[in-house]
Amino acid sequence: MRDDYLKAARAKIEDPNVLVNLVSRRVKQLKNGFKPLVESLERLDPEDIALREIMEDKIRYELYDPEEEHS
C-alpha cells in the first residue's frame, strides 16, 4: 500500500476504523470483478485503487444511524 495514497485518503476519512472497513469492502468488490472507478497508467494493487477512489471522491460512505430507521 502506498503511503502517499494512505495519507491522502486519511485526510478525507479521519476515522481509521471507517477507512479500513471502506477499503476492505471495496477491495473485495474489485477482486470479485468490479471495475475500478479511477484510471491509472501504472498497475495498482486493489488496496491502492480503493485508496485512490476515496482520494478522488469516487466512493462515499454513510454511517448507520438506528434512530433514522425508526423515523
PDB file of N, CA and C in Angstrom:
ATOM      1  N   MET A   1       0.842  -1.165   0.000  1.00  0.00           N
ATOM      2  CA  MET A   1       0.000   0.000   0.000  1.00  0.00           C
ATOM      3  C   MET A   1       0.894   1.237   0.000  1.00  0.00           C
ATOM      4  N   ARG A   2       0.565   2.164  -0.862  1.00  0.00           N
ATOM      5  CA  ARG A   2       1.392   3.370  -0.984  1.00  0.00           C
ATOM      6  C   ARG A   2       1.069   4.357   0.127  1.00  0.00           C
ATOM      7  N   ASP A   3       2.112   4.846   0.779  1.00  0.00           N
ATOM      8  CA  ASP A   3       1.953   5.787   1.889  1.00  0.00           C
ATOM      9  C   ASP A   3       1.294   7.096   1.462  1.00  0.00           C
ATOM     10  N   ASP A   4       1.651   7.585   0.272  1.00  0.00           N
ATOM     11  CA  ASP A   4       1.067   8.852  -0.171  1.00  0.00           C
ATOM     12  C   ASP A   4      -0.435   8.719  -0.396  1.00  0.00           C
ATOM     13  N   TYR A   5      -0.890   7.584  -0.917  1.00  0.00           N
ATOM     14  CA  TYR A   5      -2.320   7.351  -1.095  1.00  0.00           C
ATOM     15  C   TYR A   5      -3.009   7.229   0.261  1.00  0.00           C
ATOM     16  N   LEU A   6      -2.368   6.544   1.181  1.00  0.00           N
ATOM     17  CA  LEU A   6      -2.951   6.357   2.504  1.00  0.00           C
ATOM     18  C   LEU A   6      -3.111   7.699   3.223  1.00  0.00           C
ATOM     19  N   LYS A   7      -2.094   8.537   3.157  1.00  0.00           N
ATOM     20  CA  LYS A   7      -2.165   9.858   3.806  1.00  0.00           C
ATOM     21  C   LYS A   7      -3.276  10.710   3.203  1.00  0.00           C
ATOM     22  N   ALA A   8      -3.404  10.688   1.887  1.00  0.00           N
ATOM     23  CA  ALA A   8      -4.440  11.478   1.218  1.00  0.00           C
ATOM     24  C   ALA A   8      -5.837  10.954   1.558  1.00  0.00           C
ATOM     25  N   ALA A   9      -5.987   9.640   1.629  1.00  0.00           N
ATOM     26  CA  ALA A   9      -7.289   9.055   1.981  1.00  0.00           C
ATOM     27  C   ALA A   9      -7.638   9.350   3.437  1.00  0.00           C
ATOM     28  N   ARG A  10      -6.637   9.355   4.320  1.00  0.00           N
ATOM     29  CA  ARG A  10      -6.884   9.678   5.739  1.00  0.00           C
ATOM     30  C   ARG A  10      -7.273  11.137   5.913  1.00  0.00           C
ATOM     31  N   ALA A  11      -6.878  11.986   4.993  1.00  0.00           N
ATOM     32  CA  ALA A  11      -7.314  13.374   5.047  1.00  0.00           C
ATOM     33  C   ALA A  11      -8.806  13.482   4.728  1.00  0.00           C
ATOM     34  N   LYS A  12      -9.324  12.565   3.919  1.00  0.00           N
ATOM     35  CA  LYS A  12     -10.745  12.545   3.577  1.00  0.00           C
ATOM     36  C   LYS A  12     -11.576  11.845   4.649  1.00  0.00           C
ATOM     37  N   ILE A  13     -11.047  10.740   5.180  1.00  0.00           N
ATOM     38  CA  ILE A  13     -11.757   9.946   6.195  1.00  0.00           C
ATOM     39  C   ILE A  13     -10.837   9.835   7.398  1.00  0.00           C
ATOM     40  N   GLU A  14     -11.139  10.601   8.427  1.00  0.00           N
ATOM     41  CA  GLU A  14     -10.244  10.695   9.574  1.00  0.00           C
ATOM     42  C   GLU A  14     -10.305   9.484  10.506  1.00  0.00           C
ATOM     43  N   ASP A  15     -11.452   8.829  10.600  1.00  0.00           N
ATOM     44  CA  ASP A  15     -11.596   7.676  11.486  1.00  0.00           C
ATOM     45  C   ASP A  15     -10.925   6.463  10.848  1.00  0.00           C
ATOM     46  N   PRO A  16      -9.837   5.943  11.451  1.00  0.00           N
ATOM     47  CA  PRO A  16      -9.126   4.827  10.836  1.00  0.00           C
ATOM     48  C   PRO A  16      -9.979   3.567  10.698  1.00  0.00           C
ATOM     49  N   ASN A  17     -10.920   3.353  11.618  1.00  0.00           N
ATOM     50  CA  ASN A  17     -11.778   2.171  11.526  1.00  0.00           C
ATOM     51  C   ASN A  17     -12.691   2.247  10.309  1.00  0.00           C
ATOM     52  N   VAL A  18     -13.239   3.410  10.058  1.00  0.00           N
ATOM     53  CA  VAL A  18     -14.098   3.597   8.888  1.00  0.00           C
ATOM     54  C   VAL A  18     -13.286   3.416   7.611  1.00  0.00           C
ATOM     55  N   LEU A  19     -12.088   3.981   7.586  1.00  0.00           N
ATOM     56  CA  LEU A  19     -11.229   3.867   6.409  1.00  0.00           C
ATOM     57  C   LEU A  19     -10.881   2.409   6.120  1.00  0.00           C
ATOM     58  N   VAL A  20     -10.498   1.668   7.128  1.00  0.00           N
ATOM     59  CA  VAL A  20     -10.141   0.256   6.950  1.00  0.00           C
ATOM     60  C   VAL A  20     -11.341  -0.530   6.420  1.00  0.00           C
ATOM     61  N   ASN A  21     -12.508  -0.296   6.996  1.00  0.00           N
ATOM     62  CA  ASN A  21     -13.699  -1.012   6.549  1.00  0.00           C
ATOM     63  C   ASN A  21     -14.078  -0.664   5.120  1.00  0.00           C
ATOM     64  N   LEU A  22     -14.000   0.600   4.778  1.00  0.00           N
ATOM     65  CA  LEU A  22     -14.341   1.029   3.429  1.00  0.00           C
ATOM     66  C   LEU A  22     -13.374   0.447   2.397  1.00  0.00           C
ATOM     67  N   VAL A  23     -12.089   0.506   2.700  1.00  0.00           N
ATOM     68  CA  VAL A  23     -11.081  -0.041   1.784  1.00  0.00           C
ATOM     69  C   VAL A  23     -11.258  -1.556   1.650  1.00  0.00           C
ATOM     70  N   SER A  24     -11.466  -2.258   2.752  1.00  0.00           N
ATOM     71  CA  SER A  24     -11.572  -3.721   2.665  1.00  0.00           C
ATOM     72  C   SER A  24     -12.808  -4.149   1.878  1.00  0.00           C
ATOM     73  N   ARG A  25     -13.916  -3.444   2.053  1.00  0.00           N
ATOM     74  CA  ARG A  25     -15.120  -3.780   1.274  1.00  0.00           C
ATOM     75  C   ARG A  25     -14.897  -3.505  -0.209  1.00  0.00           C
ATOM     76  N   ARG A  26     -14.258  -2.397  -0.520  1.00  0.00           N
ATOM     77  CA  ARG A  26     -14.013  -2.066  -1.927  1.00  0.00           C
ATOM     78  C   ARG A  26     -13.025  -3.035  -2.554  1.00  0.00           C
ATOM     79  N   VAL A  27     -12.009  -3.458  -1.807  1.00  0.00           N
ATOM     80  CA  VAL A  27     -11.038  -4.430  -2.317  1.00  0.00           C
ATOM     81  C   VAL A  27     -11.750  -5.736  -2.657  1.00  0.00           C
ATOM     82  N   LYS A  28     -12.669  -6.181  -1.807  1.00  0.00           N
ATOM     83  CA  LYS A  28     -13.438  -7.402  -2.101  1.00  0.00           C
ATOM     84  C   LYS A  28     -14.215  -7.244  -3.402  1.00  0.00           C
ATOM     85  N   GLN A  29     -14.826  -6.085  -3.588  1.00  0.00           N
ATOM     86  CA  GLN A  29     -15.566  -5.849  -4.828  1.00  0.00           C
ATOM     87  C   GLN A  29     -14.635  -5.898  -6.035  1.00  0.00           C
ATOM     88  N   LEU A  30     -13.486  -5.251  -5.937  1.00  0.00           N
ATOM     89  CA  LEU A  30     -12.541  -5.235  -7.053  1.00  0.00           C
ATOM     90  C   LEU A  30     -12.040  -6.649  -7.369  1.00  0.00           C
ATOM     91  N   LYS A  31     -11.776  -7.432  -6.346  1.00  0.00           N
ATOM     92  CA  LYS A  31     -11.299  -8.811  -6.555  1.00  0.00           C
ATOM     93  C   LYS A  31     -12.385  -9.700  -7.139  1.00  0.00           C
ATOM     94  N   ASN A  32     -13.657  -9.301  -6.947  1.00  0.00           N
ATOM     95  CA  ASN A  32     -14.772 -10.068  -7.498  1.00  0.00           C
ATOM     96  C   ASN A  32     -15.191  -9.575  -8.882  1.00  0.00           C
ATOM     97  N   GLY A  33     -14.381  -8.701  -9.485  1.00  0.00           N
ATOM     98  CA  GLY A  33     -14.613  -8.316 -10.866  1.00  0.00           C
ATOM     99  C   GLY A  33     -15.213  -6.945 -11.101  1.00  0.00           C
ATOM    100  N   PHE A  34     -15.483  -6.187 -10.038  1.00  0.00           N
ATOM    101  CA  PHE A  34     -15.988  -4.837 -10.236  1.00  0.00           C
ATOM    102  C   PHE A  34     -14.898  -3.996 -10.901  1.00  0.00           C
ATOM    103  N   LYS A  35     -15.308  -3.085 -11.758  1.00  0.00           N
ATOM    104  CA  LYS A  35     -14.331  -2.246 -12.463  1.00  0.00           C
ATOM    105  C   LYS A  35     -13.895  -1.077 -11.582  1.00  0.00           C
ATOM    106  N   PRO A  36     -12.616  -0.719 -11.643  1.00  0.00           N
ATOM    107  CA  PRO A  36     -12.134   0.448 -10.898  1.00  0.00           C
ATOM    108  C   PRO A  36     -12.802   1.728 -11.395  1.00  0.00           C
ATOM    109  N   LEU A  37     -12.994   2.666 -10.495  1.00  0.00           N
ATOM    110  CA  LEU A  37     -13.608   3.943 -10.834  1.00  0.00           C
ATOM    111  C   LEU A  37     -12.563   5.003 -11.174  1.00  0.00           C
ATOM    112  N   VAL A  38     -11.294   4.620 -11.129  1.00  0.00           N
ATOM    113  CA  VAL A  38     -10.198   5.520 -11.476  1.00  0.00           C
ATOM    114  C   VAL A  38      -9.323   4.839 -12.525  1.00  0.00           C
ATOM    115  N   GLU A  39      -8.663   5.651 -13.316  1.00  0.00           N
ATOM    116  CA  GLU A  39      -7.734   5.133 -14.314  1.00  0.00           C
ATOM    117  C   GLU A  39      -6.309   5.389 -13.851  1.00  0.00           C
ATOM    118  N   SER A  40      -5.419   4.478 -14.224  1.00  0.00           N
ATOM    119  CA  SER A  40      -4.021   4.636 -13.856  1.00  0.00           C
ATOM    120  C   SER A  40      -3.141   4.074 -14.961  1.00  0.00           C
ATOM    121  N   LEU A  41      -2.050   4.762 -15.212  1.00  0.00           N
ATOM    122  CA  LEU A  41      -1.095   4.265 -16.195  1.00  0.00           C
ATOM    123  C   LEU A  41      -0.234   3.161 -15.618  1.00  0.00           C
ATOM    124  N   GLU A  42      -0.115   3.145 -14.303  1.00  0.00           N
ATOM    125  CA  GLU A  42       0.667   2.094 -13.647  1.00  0.00           C
ATOM    126  C   GLU A  42      -0.273   1.025 -13.106  1.00  0.00           C
ATOM    127  N   ARG A  43       0.247  -0.165 -12.909  1.00  0.00           N
ATOM    128  CA  ARG A  43      -0.553  -1.259 -12.359  1.00  0.00           C
ATOM    129  C   ARG A  43      -0.606  -1.093 -10.846  1.00  0.00           C
ATOM    130  N   LEU A  44      -1.827  -0.965 -10.317  1.00  0.00           N
ATOM    131  CA  LEU A  44      -2.007  -0.742  -8.888  1.00  0.00           C
ATOM    132  C   LEU A  44      -2.624  -1.970  -8.229  1.00  0.00           C
ATOM    133  N   ASP A  45      -2.268  -2.177  -6.960  1.00  0.00           N
ATOM    134  CA  ASP A  45      -2.919  -3.209  -6.160  1.00  0.00           C
ATOM    135  C   ASP A  45      -4.345  -2.759  -5.878  1.00  0.00           C
ATOM    136  N   PRO A  46      -5.249  -3.707  -5.601  1.00  0.00           N
ATOM    137  CA  PRO A  46      -6.633  -3.328  -5.291  1.00  0.00           C
ATOM    138  C   PRO A  46      -6.734  -2.345  -4.120  1.00  0.00           C
ATOM    139  N   GLU A  47      -5.859  -2.474  -3.125  1.00  0.00           N
ATOM    140  CA  GLU A  47      -5.864  -1.553  -1.986  1.00  0.00           C
ATOM    141  C   GLU A  47      -5.555  -0.123  -2.430  1.00  0.00           C
ATOM    142  N   ASP A  48      -4.594   0.008  -3.333  1.00  0.00           N
ATOM    143  CA  ASP A  48      -4.231   1.339  -3.828  1.00  0.00           C
ATOM    144  C   ASP A  48      -5.339   1.925  -4.702  1.00  0.00           C
ATOM    145  N   ILE A  49      -6.011   1.076  -5.470  1.00  0.00           N
ATOM    146  CA  ILE A  49      -7.140   1.547  -6.278  1.00  0.00           C
ATOM    147  C   ILE A  49      -8.235   2.081  -5.358  1.00  0.00           C
ATOM    148  N   ALA A  50      -8.553   1.336  -4.298  1.00  0.00           N
ATOM    149  CA  ALA A  50      -9.582   1.768  -3.349  1.00  0.00           C
ATOM    150  C   ALA A  50      -9.200   3.093  -2.697  1.00  0.00           C
ATOM    151  N   LEU A  51      -7.946   3.241  -2.314  1.00  0.00           N
ATOM    152  CA  LEU A  51      -7.494   4.499  -1.702  1.00  0.00           C
ATOM    153  C   LEU A  51      -7.598   5.656  -2.691  1.00  0.00           C
ATOM    154  N   ARG A  52      -7.239   5.415  -3.941  1.00  0.00           N
ATOM    155  CA  ARG A  52      -7.360   6.479  -4.962  1.00  0.00           C
ATOM    156  C   ARG A  52      -8.807   6.857  -5.181  1.00  0.00           C
ATOM    157  N   GLU A  53      -9.698   5.870  -5.161  1.00  0.00           N
ATOM    158  CA  GLU A  53     -11.118   6.160  -5.331  1.00  0.00           C
ATOM    159  C   GLU A  53     -11.623   7.047  -4.189  1.00  0.00           C
ATOM    160  N   ILE A  54     -11.140   6.791  -2.990  1.00  0.00           N
ATOM    161  CA  ILE A  54     -11.507   7.628  -1.843  1.00  0.00           C
ATOM    162  C   ILE A  54     -10.917   9.028  -2.012  1.00  0.00           C
ATOM    163  N   MET A  55      -9.651   9.103  -2.380  1.00  0.00           N
ATOM    164  CA  MET A  55      -8.979  10.388  -2.561  1.00  0.00           C
ATOM    165  C   MET A  55      -9.702  11.263  -3.582  1.00  0.00           C
ATOM    166  N   GLU A  56     -10.186  10.629  -4.645  1.00  0.00           N
ATOM    167  CA  GLU A  56     -10.809  11.366  -5.745  1.00  0.00           C
ATOM    168  C   GLU A  56     -12.327  11.468  -5.586  1.00  0.00           C
ATOM    169  N   ASP A  57     -12.830  11.149  -4.412  1.00  0.00           N
ATOM    170  CA  ASP A  57     -14.273  11.230  -4.108  1.00  0.00           C
ATOM    171  C   ASP A  57     -15.129  10.408  -5.063  1.00  0.00           C
ATOM    172  N   LYS A  58     -14.617   9.269  -5.490  1.00  0.00           N
ATOM    173  CA  LYS A  58     -15.384   8.378  -6.368  1.00  0.00           C
ATOM    174  C   LYS A  58     -16.279   7.441  -5.564  1.00  0.00           C
ATOM    175  N   ILE A  59     -15.913   7.183  -4.313  1.00  0.00           N
ATOM    176  CA  ILE A  59     -16.767   6.379  -3.448  1.00  0.00           C
ATOM    177  C   ILE A  59     -16.987   7.138  -2.146  1.00  0.00           C
ATOM    178  N   ARG A  60     -18.180   6.925  -1.575  1.00  0.00           N
ATOM    179  CA  ARG A  60     -18.541   7.596  -0.334  1.00  0.00           C
ATOM    180  C   ARG A  60     -19.120   6.567   0.622  1.00  0.00           C
ATOM    181  N   TYR A  61     -19.413   7.008   1.820  1.00  0.00           N
ATOM    182  CA  TYR A  61     -19.999   6.116   2.812  1.00  0.00           C
ATOM    183  C   TYR A  61     -20.975   6.904   3.674  1.00  0.00           C
ATOM    184  N   GLU A  62     -21.869   6.182   4.315  1.00  0.00           N
ATOM    185  CA  GLU A  62     -22.766   6.763   5.307  1.00  0.00           C
ATOM    186  C   GLU A  62     -22.705   5.879   6.536  1.00  0.00           C
ATOM    187  N   LEU A  63     -22.621   6.491   7.692  1.00  0.00           N
ATOM    188  CA  LEU A  63     -22.640   5.731   8.930  1.00  0.00           C
ATOM    189  C   LEU A  63     -24.077   5.361   9.262  1.00  0.00           C
ATOM    190  N   TYR A  64     -24.263   4.165   9.763  1.00  0.00           N
ATOM    191  CA  TYR A  64     -25.585   3.673  10.124  1.00  0.00           C
ATOM    192  C   TYR A  64     -26.097   4.427  11.338  1.00  0.00           C
ATOM    193  N   ASP A  65     -27.328   4.901  11.246  1.00  0.00           N
ATOM    194  CA  ASP A  65     -27.968   5.600  12.353  1.00  0.00           C
ATOM    195  C   ASP A  65     -29.279   4.887  12.667  1.00  0.00           C
ATOM    196  N   PRO A  66     -29.324   4.110  13.757  1.00  0.00           N
ATOM    197  CA  PRO A  66     -30.540   3.351  14.067  1.00  0.00           C
ATOM    198  C   PRO A  66     -31.751   4.244  14.317  1.00  0.00           C
ATOM    199  N   GLU A  67     -31.540   5.472  14.767  1.00  0.00           N
ATOM    200  CA  GLU A  67     -32.642   6.403  15.009  1.00  0.00           C
ATOM    201  C   GLU A  67     -33.335   6.787  13.705  1.00  0.00           C
ATOM    202  N   GLU A  68     -32.558   6.903  12.634  1.00  0.00           N
ATOM    203  CA  GLU A  68     -33.102   7.265  11.344  1.00  0.00           C
ATOM    204  C   GLU A  68     -34.033   6.194  10.806  1.00  0.00           C
ATOM    205  N   GLU A  69     -33.748   4.947  11.118  1.00  0.00           N
ATOM    206  CA  GLU A  69     -34.522   3.817  10.623  1.00  0.00           C
ATOM    207  C   GLU A  69     -35.949   3.832  11.182  1.00  0.00           C
ATOM    208  N   HIS A  70     -36.109   4.331  12.372  1.00  0.00           N
ATOM    209  CA  HIS A  70     -37.415   4.320  13.035  1.00  0.00           C
ATOM    210  C   HIS A  70     -38.224   5.576  12.770  1.00  0.00           C
ATOM    211  N   SER A  71     -37.729   6.484  11.985  1.00  0.00           N
ATOM    212  CA  SER A  71     -38.436   7.744  11.725  1.00  0.00           C
ATOM    213  C   SER A  71     -39.502   7.566  10.679  1.00  0.00           C
TER     214      SER A  71
END
